[in-house]
C-alpha atoms as a PDB file:
ATOM      1  CA  MET A   1     -12.171  13.918  10.267  1.00  0.00           C
ATOM      2  CA  SER A   2     -12.992  13.164   6.638  1.00  0.00           C
ATOM      3  CA  TYR A   3     -10.959  13.901   3.538  1.00  0.00           C
ATOM      4  CA  THR A   4     -11.633  13.652  -0.154  1.00  0.00           C
ATOM      5  CA  SER A   5      -8.896  14.415  -2.664  1.00  0.00           C
ATOM      6  CA  PRO A   6      -9.455  16.350  -5.854  1.00  0.00           C
ATOM      7  CA  LEU A   7      -7.830  14.244  -8.595  1.00  0.00           C
ATOM      8  CA  ALA A   8      -8.275  16.946 -11.225  1.00  0.00           C
ATOM      9  CA  THR A   9      -4.572  17.836 -11.092  1.00  0.00           C
ATOM     10  CA  ILE A  10      -3.479  14.499 -12.582  1.00  0.00           C
ATOM     11  CA  ASP A  11      -2.875  14.446 -16.326  1.00  0.00           C
ATOM     12  CA  PRO A  12      -5.953  12.752 -17.878  1.00  0.00           C
ATOM     13  CA  GLU A  13      -3.871  10.670 -20.304  1.00  0.00           C
ATOM     14  CA  ALA A  14      -1.587   9.438 -17.513  1.00  0.00           C
ATOM     15  CA  LEU A  15      -4.654   8.605 -15.403  1.00  0.00           C
ATOM     16  CA  LYS A  16      -6.216   6.710 -18.305  1.00  0.00           C
ATOM     17  CA  ALA A  17      -2.998   4.721 -18.822  1.00  0.00           C
ATOM     18  CA  PHE A  18      -2.867   3.945 -15.076  1.00  0.00           C
ATOM     19  CA  LYS A  19      -6.444   2.652 -15.107  1.00  0.00           C
ATOM     20  CA  THR A  20      -5.712   0.554 -18.196  1.00  0.00           C
ATOM     21  CA  THR A  21      -2.575  -0.975 -16.681  1.00  0.00           C
ATOM     22  CA  TYR A  22      -4.151  -1.530 -13.267  1.00  0.00           C
ATOM     23  CA  PRO A  23      -7.836  -2.278 -13.946  1.00  0.00           C
ATOM     24  CA  ASP A  24     -10.420  -2.014 -11.228  1.00  0.00           C
ATOM     25  CA  TYR A  25     -12.093  -5.271 -10.258  1.00  0.00           C
ATOM     26  CA  ASP A  26     -15.801  -5.850  -9.824  1.00  0.00           C
ATOM     27  CA  GLU A  27     -16.342  -7.262  -6.349  1.00  0.00           C
ATOM     28  CA  ASN A  28     -19.577  -8.866  -7.542  1.00  0.00           C
ATOM     29  CA  GLU A  29     -17.921 -11.015 -10.207  1.00  0.00           C
ATOM     30  CA  SER A  30     -17.554 -14.662  -9.292  1.00  0.00           C
ATOM     31  CA  GLU A  31     -13.836 -14.706 -10.087  1.00  0.00           C
ATOM     32  CA  PHE A  32     -13.060 -11.689  -7.917  1.00  0.00           C
ATOM     33  CA  PRO A  33      -9.975 -12.708  -5.899  1.00  0.00           C
ATOM     34  CA  LEU A  34     -10.981 -12.696  -2.270  1.00  0.00           C
ATOM     35  CA  TRP A  35      -9.654 -15.101   0.366  1.00  0.00           C
ATOM     36  CA  ILE A  36      -7.531 -17.610  -1.544  1.00  0.00           C
ATOM     37  CA  ASP A  37      -7.937 -21.311  -0.745  1.00  0.00           C
ATOM     38  CA  GLY A  38      -4.747 -22.948   0.535  1.00  0.00           C
ATOM     39  CA  VAL A  39      -3.030 -19.618   1.265  1.00  0.00           C
ATOM     40  CA  ASP A  40      -2.496 -18.325   4.807  1.00  0.00           C
ATOM     41  CA  THR A  41      -4.652 -15.199   4.888  1.00  0.00           C
ATOM     42  CA  THR A  42      -3.883 -14.211   8.472  1.00  0.00           C
ATOM     43  CA  TYR A  43      -2.679 -10.819   7.300  1.00  0.00           C
ATOM     44  CA  ALA A  44      -4.955 -10.102   4.310  1.00  0.00           C
ATOM     45  CA  PRO A  45      -6.073 -11.444   0.949  1.00  0.00           C
ATOM     46  CA  PHE A  46      -5.241  -9.958  -2.445  1.00  0.00           C
ATOM     47  CA  ILE A  47      -8.095  -7.554  -3.000  1.00  0.00           C
ATOM     48  CA  PRO A  48      -6.962  -4.934  -5.523  1.00  0.00           C
ATOM     49  CA  THR A  49      -7.664  -1.380  -4.454  1.00  0.00           C
ATOM     50  CA  SER A  50      -9.386   0.769  -7.069  1.00  0.00           C
ATOM     51  CA  THR A  51      -7.114   3.171  -8.916  1.00  0.00           C
ATOM     52  CA  ARG A  52      -9.217   6.045  -7.571  1.00  0.00           C
ATOM     53  CA  ARG A  53      -8.730   4.902  -3.975  1.00  0.00           C
ATOM     54  CA  VAL A  54      -4.976   4.434  -4.556  1.00  0.00           C
ATOM     55  CA  LEU A  55      -4.627   8.053  -5.667  1.00  0.00           C
ATOM     56  CA  ILE A  56      -6.826   9.384  -2.866  1.00  0.00           C
ATOM     57  CA  ALA A  57      -4.854   7.440  -0.227  1.00  0.00           C
ATOM     58  CA  LEU A  58      -1.481   8.618  -1.541  1.00  0.00           C
ATOM     59  CA  ASP A  59      -2.712  12.206  -1.681  1.00  0.00           C
ATOM     60  CA  MET A  60      -4.100  11.943   1.854  1.00  0.00           C
ATOM     61  CA  ALA A  61      -0.668  10.709   3.000  1.00  0.00           C
ATOM     62  CA  ARG A  62       0.897  13.724   1.280  1.00  0.00           C
ATOM     63  CA  ILE A  63       3.430  11.669  -0.650  1.00  0.00           C
ATOM     64  CA  SER A  64       6.225  13.843  -2.060  1.00  0.00           C
ATOM     65  CA  ALA A  65       9.653  13.654  -3.682  1.00  0.00           C
ATOM     66  CA  THR A  66      11.367  13.095  -0.330  1.00  0.00           C
ATOM     67  CA  ASP A  67       9.342   9.997   0.518  1.00  0.00           C
ATOM     68  CA  ARG A  68      10.442   6.381   0.473  1.00  0.00           C
ATOM     69  CA  VAL A  69       7.389   4.130   0.429  1.00  0.00           C
ATOM     70  CA  LEU A  70       7.025   0.554   1.677  1.00  0.00           C
ATOM     71  CA  ASP A  71       3.873  -1.323   0.620  1.00  0.00           C
ATOM     72  CA  VAL A  72       3.331  -4.388   2.808  1.00  0.00           C
ATOM     73  CA  GLY A  73       1.270  -6.863   0.807  1.00  0.00           C
ATOM     74  CA  SER A  74       1.690  -5.011  -2.472  1.00  0.00           C
ATOM     75  CA  GLY A  75      -0.504  -7.197  -4.702  1.00  0.00           C
ATOM     76  CA  ASP A  76      -0.065  -6.092  -8.312  1.00  0.00           C
ATOM     77  CA  GLY A  77       2.102  -3.113  -7.321  1.00  0.00           C
ATOM     78  CA  ARG A  78      -0.326  -0.304  -8.072  1.00  0.00           C
ATOM     79  CA  PHE A  79       0.543   1.700  -4.938  1.00  0.00           C
ATOM     80  CA  CYS A  80       4.265   1.583  -5.656  1.00  0.00           C
ATOM     81  CA  PHE A  81       3.732   2.569  -9.283  1.00  0.00           C
ATOM     82  CA  ALA A  82       1.419   5.464  -8.408  1.00  0.00           C
ATOM     83  CA  ALA A  83       3.585   6.760  -5.539  1.00  0.00           C
ATOM     84  CA  VAL A  84       6.528   7.217  -7.898  1.00  0.00           C
ATOM     85  CA  SER A  85       4.633   8.107 -11.103  1.00  0.00           C
ATOM     86  CA  PHE A  86       2.076  10.579  -9.768  1.00  0.00           C
ATOM     87  CA  PHE A  87       3.581  11.796  -6.487  1.00  0.00           C
ATOM     88  CA  ASN A  88       7.301  11.653  -7.364  1.00  0.00           C
ATOM     89  CA  ALA A  89       8.218   9.491  -4.382  1.00  0.00           C
ATOM     90  CA  GLN A  90      11.960   8.900  -4.285  1.00  0.00           C
ATOM     91  CA  LYS A  91      11.542   5.134  -4.058  1.00  0.00           C
ATOM     92  CA  ALA A  92       8.854   2.502  -3.507  1.00  0.00           C
ATOM     93  CA  ILE A  93       9.219  -1.158  -2.568  1.00  0.00           C
ATOM     94  CA  GLY A  94       6.420  -3.689  -2.449  1.00  0.00           C
ATOM     95  CA  ILE A  95       6.522  -6.875  -0.388  1.00  0.00           C
ATOM     96  CA  GLU A  96       4.228  -9.658  -1.573  1.00  0.00           C
ATOM     97  CA  TYR A  97       3.713 -13.312  -0.625  1.00  0.00           C
ATOM     98  CA  GLU A  98       2.589 -14.581  -4.039  1.00  0.00           C
ATOM     99  CA  GLN A  99       5.438 -15.050  -6.557  1.00  0.00           C
ATOM    100  CA  ASP A 100       3.112 -14.576  -9.540  1.00  0.00           C
ATOM    101  CA  LEU A 101       2.064 -11.177  -8.182  1.00  0.00           C
ATOM    102  CA  VAL A 102       5.702 -10.185  -7.663  1.00  0.00           C
ATOM    103  CA  GLU A 103       6.397 -11.081 -11.294  1.00  0.00           C
ATOM    104  CA  LYS A 104       3.273  -9.283 -12.531  1.00  0.00           C
ATOM    105  CA  SER A 105       4.109  -6.190 -10.470  1.00  0.00           C
ATOM    106  CA  THR A 106       7.604  -6.077 -11.902  1.00  0.00           C
ATOM    107  CA  GLU A 107       6.269  -6.460 -15.440  1.00  0.00           C
ATOM    108  CA  LEU A 108       3.638  -3.722 -15.036  1.00  0.00           C
ATOM    109  CA  ALA A 109       6.115  -1.240 -13.553  1.00  0.00           C
ATOM    110  CA  GLN A 110       9.088  -2.311 -15.702  1.00  0.00           C
ATOM    111  CA  GLY A 111      10.114   1.217 -16.717  1.00  0.00           C
ATOM    112  CA  LEU A 112      10.315   2.346 -13.093  1.00  0.00           C
ATOM    113  CA  VAL A 113      11.967  -0.919 -12.060  1.00  0.00           C
ATOM    114  CA  ASP A 114      14.656  -0.315 -14.691  1.00  0.00           C
ATOM    115  CA  GLN A 115      15.250   3.158 -13.238  1.00  0.00           C
ATOM    116  CA  GLY A 116      15.694   1.696  -9.747  1.00  0.00           C
ATOM    117  CA  LYS A 117      12.734   3.660  -8.380  1.00  0.00           C
ATOM    118  CA  VAL A 118      10.385   0.701  -7.807  1.00  0.00           C
ATOM    119  CA  SER A 119      11.054  -2.890  -6.791  1.00  0.00           C
ATOM    120  CA  PHE A 120       9.133  -5.863  -5.505  1.00  0.00           C
ATOM    121  CA  GLN A 121      10.167  -8.680  -3.192  1.00  0.00           C
ATOM    122  CA  LYS A 122       8.602 -12.042  -2.458  1.00  0.00           C
ATOM    123  CA  ALA A 123       8.341 -12.606   1.271  1.00  0.00           C
ATOM    124  CA  ASP A 124       6.301 -14.562   3.769  1.00  0.00           C
ATOM    125  CA  LEU A 125       4.712 -11.911   5.980  1.00  0.00           C
ATOM    126  CA  THR A 126       4.173 -14.415   8.768  1.00  0.00           C
ATOM    127  CA  ASN A 127       7.966 -14.103   9.225  1.00  0.00           C
ATOM    128  CA  TRP A 128       7.993 -10.320   8.943  1.00  0.00           C
ATOM    129  CA  ARG A 129      10.341  -9.889  11.912  1.00  0.00           C
ATOM    130  CA  GLU A 130      13.102 -11.510   9.855  1.00  0.00           C
ATOM    131  CA  LEU A 131      12.636  -9.311   6.772  1.00  0.00           C
ATOM    132  CA  ALA A 132      15.456  -6.794   6.426  1.00  0.00           C
ATOM    133  CA  THR A 133      13.267  -4.586   4.218  1.00  0.00           C
ATOM    134  CA  MET A 134      10.671  -4.218   6.956  1.00  0.00           C
ATOM    135  CA  GLN A 135      13.298  -3.644   9.636  1.00  0.00           C
ATOM    136  CA  SER A 136      15.037  -0.937   7.579  1.00  0.00           C
ATOM    137  CA  LYS A 137      14.638   2.582   8.920  1.00  0.00           C
ATOM    138  CA  GLU A 138      14.626   4.186   5.472  1.00  0.00           C
ATOM    139  CA  TRP A 139      10.822   4.341   5.050  1.00  0.00           C
ATOM    140  CA  SER A 140       8.862   7.556   5.530  1.00  0.00           C
ATOM    141  CA  VAL A 141       5.517   6.005   4.485  1.00  0.00           C
ATOM    142  CA  ILE A 142       4.235   2.468   5.085  1.00  0.00           C
ATOM    143  CA  ILE A 143       1.091   1.204   3.352  1.00  0.00           C
ATOM    144  CA  VAL A 144      -0.774  -1.709   4.927  1.00  0.00           C
ATOM    145  CA  PHE A 145      -3.919  -3.660   4.161  1.00  0.00           C
ATOM    146  CA  LEU A 146      -3.969  -5.810   7.283  1.00  0.00           C
ATOM    147  CA  SER A 147      -6.693  -7.828   8.919  1.00  0.00           C
ATOM    148  CA  PRO A 148      -7.208  -6.914  12.601  1.00  0.00           C
ATOM    149  CA  GLU A 149      -5.165 -10.022  13.545  1.00  0.00           C
ATOM    150  CA  GLY A 150      -2.347  -8.970  11.215  1.00  0.00           C
ATOM    151  CA  GLY A 151      -2.362  -5.463  12.665  1.00  0.00           C
ATOM    152  CA  THR A 152      -2.191  -6.842  16.196  1.00  0.00           C
ATOM    153  CA  ASP A 153       0.729  -9.107  15.273  1.00  0.00           C
ATOM    154  CA  MET A 154       2.628  -6.159  13.780  1.00  0.00           C
ATOM    155  CA  GLU A 155       1.606  -3.704  16.516  1.00  0.00           C
ATOM    156  CA  ASP A 156       5.056  -3.198  18.071  1.00  0.00           C
ATOM    157  CA  TRP A 157       6.640  -2.555  14.668  1.00  0.00           C
ATOM    158  CA  LEU A 158       3.874  -0.209  13.479  1.00  0.00           C
ATOM    159  CA  VAL A 159       3.936   1.806  16.720  1.00  0.00           C
ATOM    160  CA  GLU A 160       7.753   2.019  16.625  1.00  0.00           C
ATOM    161  CA  GLU A 161       7.663   3.266  13.019  1.00  0.00           C
ATOM    162  CA  PHE A 162       4.888   5.739  13.877  1.00  0.00           C
ATOM    163  CA  GLU A 163       6.939   7.048  16.818  1.00  0.00           C
ATOM    164  CA  ARG A 164       9.878   7.736  14.528  1.00  0.00           C
ATOM    165  CA  GLY A 165       7.648   9.856  12.287  1.00  0.00           C
ATOM    166  CA  VAL A 166       6.601   7.364   9.611  1.00  0.00           C
ATOM    167  CA  ARG A 167       3.165   7.980   8.089  1.00  0.00           C
ATOM    168  CA  ILE A 168       1.113   4.778   8.046  1.00  0.00           C
ATOM    169  CA  VAL A 169      -1.630   4.322   5.461  1.00  0.00           C
ATOM    170  CA  ALA A 170      -4.217   1.699   6.451  1.00  0.00           C
ATOM    171  CA  LEU A 171      -6.738   0.435   3.936  1.00  0.00           C
ATOM    172  CA  VAL A 172     -10.109  -1.265   4.519  1.00  0.00           C
ATOM    173  CA  PHE A 173      -9.202  -2.302   8.082  1.00  0.00           C
ATOM    174  CA  ASP A 174      -8.398   0.626  10.357  1.00  0.00           C
ATOM    175  CA  LEU A 175      -5.801   0.283  13.099  1.00  0.00           C
ATOM    176  CA  LYS A 176      -7.767   1.947  15.902  1.00  0.00           C
ATOM    177  CA  HIS A 177      -7.232  -1.096  18.120  1.00  0.00           C
ATOM    178  CA  LEU A 178      -3.490  -0.289  18.210  1.00  0.00           C
ATOM    179  CA  LYS A 179      -3.180   2.053  21.175  1.00  0.00           C
ATOM    180  CA  GLY A 180       0.091   3.710  20.188  1.00  0.00           C
ATOM    181  CA  LEU A 181      -1.178   5.142  16.898  1.00  0.00           C
ATOM    182  CA  HIS A 182      -2.983   8.410  16.175  1.00  0.00           C
ATOM    183  CA  CYS A 183      -5.222   8.790  13.135  1.00  0.00           C
ATOM    184  CA  SER A 184      -4.577  12.245  11.682  1.00  0.00           C
ATOM    185  CA  VAL A 185      -6.924  12.046   8.696  1.00  0.00           C
ATOM    186  CA  ALA A 186      -9.527   9.533   7.577  1.00  0.00           C
ATOM    187  CA  ASP A 187     -12.053   8.816   4.908  1.00  0.00           C
ATOM    188  CA  ASP A 188     -14.280   6.177   6.484  1.00  0.00           C
ATOM    189  CA  GLU A 189     -16.402   5.823   3.360  1.00  0.00           C
ATOM    190  CA  GLU A 190     -13.336   5.020   1.235  1.00  0.00           C
ATOM    191  CA  GLY A 191     -11.781   2.891   3.982  1.00  0.00           C
ATOM    192  CA  ILE A 192      -8.576   4.951   4.244  1.00  0.00           C
ATOM    193  CA  TRP A 193      -6.898   5.978   7.498  1.00  0.00           C
ATOM    194  CA  ILE A 194      -3.629   7.927   7.787  1.00  0.00           C
ATOM    195  CA  TYR A 195      -1.712   7.593  11.051  1.00  0.00           C
ATOM    196  CA  SER A 196       0.848  10.332  11.605  1.00  0.00           C
ATOM    197  CA  LYS A 197       2.230  12.510  14.369  1.00  0.00           C
END
């Protein structure tokens, strides 16, 4: 099944400000941040998702005011910011390995951070089993950009969360190799898969 979201309902000025704050990156530029030397990239590199794809993915996941969103590998925090700003999510937390990205995320979303609606945590995802935030049962939506190896390592957790009704948003790498998940809506061209019951 394919899905494309109409973004016409978003205030044009708010969308412009979002794109200015969280610029899209040109994958063809030599400085585009792909796999980072000296950093364990078992789970995924920092590859910023376009603002358009962020909004499409959140719309596909049907984020609403009752949702509490966990972004695993949150990069510069654009998913957390957009979930709260454009979809009125109750709360969004991003987990990120790189301290400079945690600091940048906090700076970019400062107004929402001050309101207690968005926060970011530095964490080593190779030790994800020990992270209280990931073991919390408060999340209704989990966003992941995981390599196939990362998805396999987190399979038990992802399937358990799926079974309790959590919607899982997978970007770039689908999770079809995880047998306990069901993809309810997908946009293969955009590289977005939503797993929900």
